[in-house]
C-alpha atoms as a PDB file:
ATOM      1  CA  MET A   1      87.248  96.334 125.762  1.00  0.00           C
ATOM      2  CA  THR A   2      90.872  95.955 124.655  1.00  0.00           C
ATOM      3  CA  SER A   3      89.946  94.273 121.382  1.00  0.00           C
ATOM      4  CA  THR A   4      87.561  97.143 120.574  1.00  0.00           C
ATOM      5  CA  SER A   5      90.205  99.818 121.100  1.00  0.00           C
ATOM      6  CA  THR A   6      92.762  97.749 119.199  1.00  0.00           C
ATOM      7  CA  SER A   7      90.281  97.253 116.387  1.00  0.00           C
ATOM      8  CA  ALA A   8      89.530 100.981 116.279  1.00  0.00           C
ATOM      9  CA  ALA A   9      93.239 101.814 116.195  1.00  0.00           C
ATOM     10  CA  ALA A  10      93.803  99.314 113.380  1.00  0.00           C
ATOM     11  CA  THR A  11      90.912 100.804 111.428  1.00  0.00           C
ATOM     12  CA  ARG A  12      92.371 104.310 111.777  1.00  0.00           C
ATOM     13  CA  LEU A  13      95.765 103.064 110.671  1.00  0.00           C
ATOM     14  CA  LEU A  14      94.296 101.339 107.611  1.00  0.00           C
ATOM     15  CA  LEU A  15      92.386 104.468 106.613  1.00  0.00           C
ATOM     16  CA  ARG A  16      95.622 106.469 106.635  1.00  0.00           C
ATOM     17  CA  ALA A  17      97.746 103.800 104.949  1.00  0.00           C
ATOM     18  CA  ARG A  18      98.991 104.715 101.487  1.00  0.00           C
ATOM     19  CA  THR A  19      99.130 102.098  98.766  1.00  0.00           C
ATOM     20  CA  GLY A  20     101.475 103.884  96.398  1.00  0.00           C
ATOM     21  CA  GLY A  21      98.923 104.045  93.600  1.00  0.00           C
ATOM     22  CA  PRO A  22      98.647 106.726  90.905  1.00  0.00           C
ATOM     23  CA  LYS A  23      97.184 109.174  93.402  1.00  0.00           C
ATOM     24  CA  ASP A  24     100.587 109.327  95.137  1.00  0.00           C
ATOM     25  CA  ASP A  25     102.408 110.206  91.917  1.00  0.00           C
ATOM     26  CA  ARG A  26     102.971 113.931  92.222  1.00  0.00           C
ATOM     27  CA  GLY A  27     106.128 114.157  90.144  1.00  0.00           C
ATOM     28  CA  PRO A  28     107.165 117.093  87.972  1.00  0.00           C
ATOM     29  CA  LYS A  29     104.492 116.903  85.286  1.00  0.00           C
ATOM     30  CA  LEU A  30     105.841 119.898  83.361  1.00  0.00           C
ATOM     31  CA  LEU A  31     109.292 118.340  83.046  1.00  0.00           C
ATOM     32  CA  GLU A  32     107.772 115.087  81.786  1.00  0.00           C
ATOM     33  CA  HIS A  33     105.777 116.928  79.133  1.00  0.00           C
ATOM     34  CA  VAL A  34     108.751 118.987  77.993  1.00  0.00           C
ATOM     35  CA  LEU A  35     110.999 115.932  77.741  1.00  0.00           C
ATOM     36  CA  GLY A  36     108.285 113.996  75.930  1.00  0.00           C
ATOM     37  CA  TRP A  37     107.753 116.696  73.321  1.00  0.00           C
ATOM     38  CA  THR A  38     111.508 117.102  72.918  1.00  0.00           C
ATOM     39  CA  LEU A  39     111.753 113.404  72.131  1.00  0.00           C
ATOM     40  CA  VAL A  40     108.922 113.692  69.594  1.00  0.00           C
ATOM     41  CA  VAL A  41     110.572 116.625  67.835  1.00  0.00           C
ATOM     42  CA  LEU A  42     113.961 114.900  67.823  1.00  0.00           C
ATOM     43  CA  LEU A  43     112.436 111.771  66.332  1.00  0.00           C
ATOM     44  CA  ALA A  44     110.629 113.817  63.663  1.00  0.00           C
ATOM     45  CA  VAL A  45     113.887 115.569  62.737  1.00  0.00           C
ATOM     46  CA  LEU A  46     115.758 112.277  62.490  1.00  0.00           C
ATOM     47  CA  VAL A  47     113.037 110.675  60.349  1.00  0.00           C
ATOM     48  CA  THR A  48     112.941 113.714  58.048  1.00  0.00           C
ATOM     49  CA  ARG A  49     116.742 113.880  57.715  1.00  0.00           C
ATOM     50  CA  ALA A  50     116.914 110.156  56.940  1.00  0.00           C
ATOM     51  CA  GLY A  51     114.465 110.681  54.088  1.00  0.00           C
ATOM     52  CA  LEU A  52     111.908 108.288  55.510  1.00  0.00           C
ATOM     53  CA  MET A  53     109.123 110.839  55.249  1.00  0.00           C
END
């Protein structure tokens, strides 16, 4: 009987265990988008000023 209860407890623990995959990534998406677009605009300004475009 002990192995059954231990096995059930292990199964419950494994179902709740987090792997750290993309599902866990709940960072500030808005900040990432704003910083990304800022980098794109800055790069476009630098390329234009340098006369490369």
